[in-house]
Amino acid sequence: MMGSTHGPIRKHNRPLTRYSIDYILAFCEKLRI
């Protein structure tokens, strides 16, 4: 079960991290303004 869940989580981790980076950048811009 653990290995089965780790598979999809790892695949979804890539786009998730990219999305979080964009979110952080947008948050920084709001703080700057």
N, C-alpha and C. Protein backbone atom coordinates (compact mmCIF):
# COMPACT_ATOMS: atom_id res chain seq x y z
N MET A 1 0.84 -1.21 0.00
CA MET A 1 0.00 0.00 0.00
C MET A 1 0.88 1.26 0.00
N MET A 2 1.87 1.27 0.86
CA MET A 2 2.74 2.44 0.94
C MET A 2 3.39 2.73 -0.41
N GLY A 3 3.95 1.66 -1.03
CA GLY A 3 4.61 1.83 -2.32
C GLY A 3 3.61 2.31 -3.38
N SER A 4 2.38 1.81 -3.28
CA SER A 4 1.36 2.18 -4.27
C SER A 4 1.01 3.67 -4.16
N THR A 5 0.93 4.16 -2.93
CA THR A 5 0.59 5.57 -2.73
C THR A 5 1.79 6.46 -3.04
N HIS A 6 2.99 5.96 -2.78
CA HIS A 6 4.20 6.76 -3.01
C HIS A 6 4.38 7.05 -4.49
N GLY A 7 3.91 6.12 -5.36
CA GLY A 7 4.07 6.30 -6.80
C GLY A 7 3.36 7.56 -7.30
N PRO A 8 2.03 7.64 -7.14
CA PRO A 8 1.28 8.80 -7.62
C PRO A 8 1.68 10.08 -6.91
N ILE A 9 2.01 9.98 -5.63
CA ILE A 9 2.38 11.18 -4.87
C ILE A 9 3.65 11.79 -5.46
N ARG A 10 4.59 10.91 -5.80
CA ARG A 10 5.85 11.41 -6.35
C ARG A 10 5.61 12.08 -7.71
N LYS A 11 4.71 11.50 -8.50
CA LYS A 11 4.42 12.07 -9.83
C LYS A 11 3.72 13.43 -9.67
N HIS A 12 2.81 13.52 -8.73
CA HIS A 12 2.07 14.76 -8.53
C HIS A 12 2.93 15.80 -7.81
N ASN A 13 4.04 15.35 -7.23
CA ASN A 13 4.90 16.27 -6.48
C ASN A 13 5.58 17.26 -7.43
N ARG A 14 5.89 16.80 -8.64
CA ARG A 14 6.59 17.68 -9.59
C ARG A 14 5.76 18.91 -9.96
N PRO A 15 4.53 18.72 -10.47
CA PRO A 15 3.70 19.88 -10.83
C PRO A 15 3.29 20.68 -9.59
N LEU A 16 3.14 19.99 -8.47
CA LEU A 16 2.73 20.66 -7.24
C LEU A 16 3.81 21.66 -6.81
N THR A 17 5.08 21.24 -6.88
CA THR A 17 6.17 22.12 -6.46
C THR A 17 6.23 23.32 -7.39
N ARG A 18 6.04 23.08 -8.68
CA ARG A 18 6.09 24.19 -9.64
C ARG A 18 4.97 25.19 -9.34
N TYR A 19 3.80 24.68 -8.99
CA TYR A 19 2.66 25.54 -8.70
C TYR A 19 2.92 26.34 -7.42
N SER A 20 3.52 25.67 -6.42
CA SER A 20 3.80 26.35 -5.16
C SER A 20 4.82 27.47 -5.38
N ILE A 21 5.78 27.25 -6.28
CA ILE A 21 6.79 28.28 -6.56
C ILE A 21 6.10 29.51 -7.15
N ASP A 22 5.18 29.28 -8.10
CA ASP A 22 4.45 30.40 -8.71
C ASP A 22 3.63 31.12 -7.64
N TYR A 23 3.05 30.35 -6.71
CA TYR A 23 2.24 30.93 -5.65
C TYR A 23 3.10 31.80 -4.73
N ILE A 24 4.31 31.30 -4.42
CA ILE A 24 5.23 32.05 -3.56
C ILE A 24 5.66 33.33 -4.26
N LEU A 25 5.95 33.24 -5.56
CA LEU A 25 6.38 34.43 -6.31
C LEU A 25 5.26 35.47 -6.30
N ALA A 26 4.03 35.03 -6.49
CA ALA A 26 2.89 35.95 -6.49
C ALA A 26 2.73 36.57 -5.10
N PHE A 27 2.97 35.77 -4.07
CA PHE A 27 2.84 36.26 -2.70
C PHE A 27 3.91 37.32 -2.42
N CYS A 28 5.13 37.08 -2.92
CA CYS A 28 6.22 38.04 -2.73
C CYS A 28 5.88 39.36 -3.43
N GLU A 29 5.29 39.26 -4.61
CA GLU A 29 4.92 40.47 -5.34
C GLU A 29 3.89 41.27 -4.55
N LYS A 30 2.95 40.58 -3.93
CA LYS A 30 1.93 41.26 -3.13
C LYS A 30 2.58 41.95 -1.93
N LEU A 31 3.57 41.29 -1.33
CA LEU A 31 4.25 41.87 -0.18
C LEU A 31 5.03 43.11 -0.61
N ARG A 32 5.64 43.05 -1.78
CA ARG A 32 6.42 44.19 -2.29
C ARG A 32 5.51 45.39 -2.50
N ILE A 33 4.33 45.12 -3.06
CA ILE A 33 3.39 46.21 -3.32
C ILE A 33 2.88 46.74 -1.97
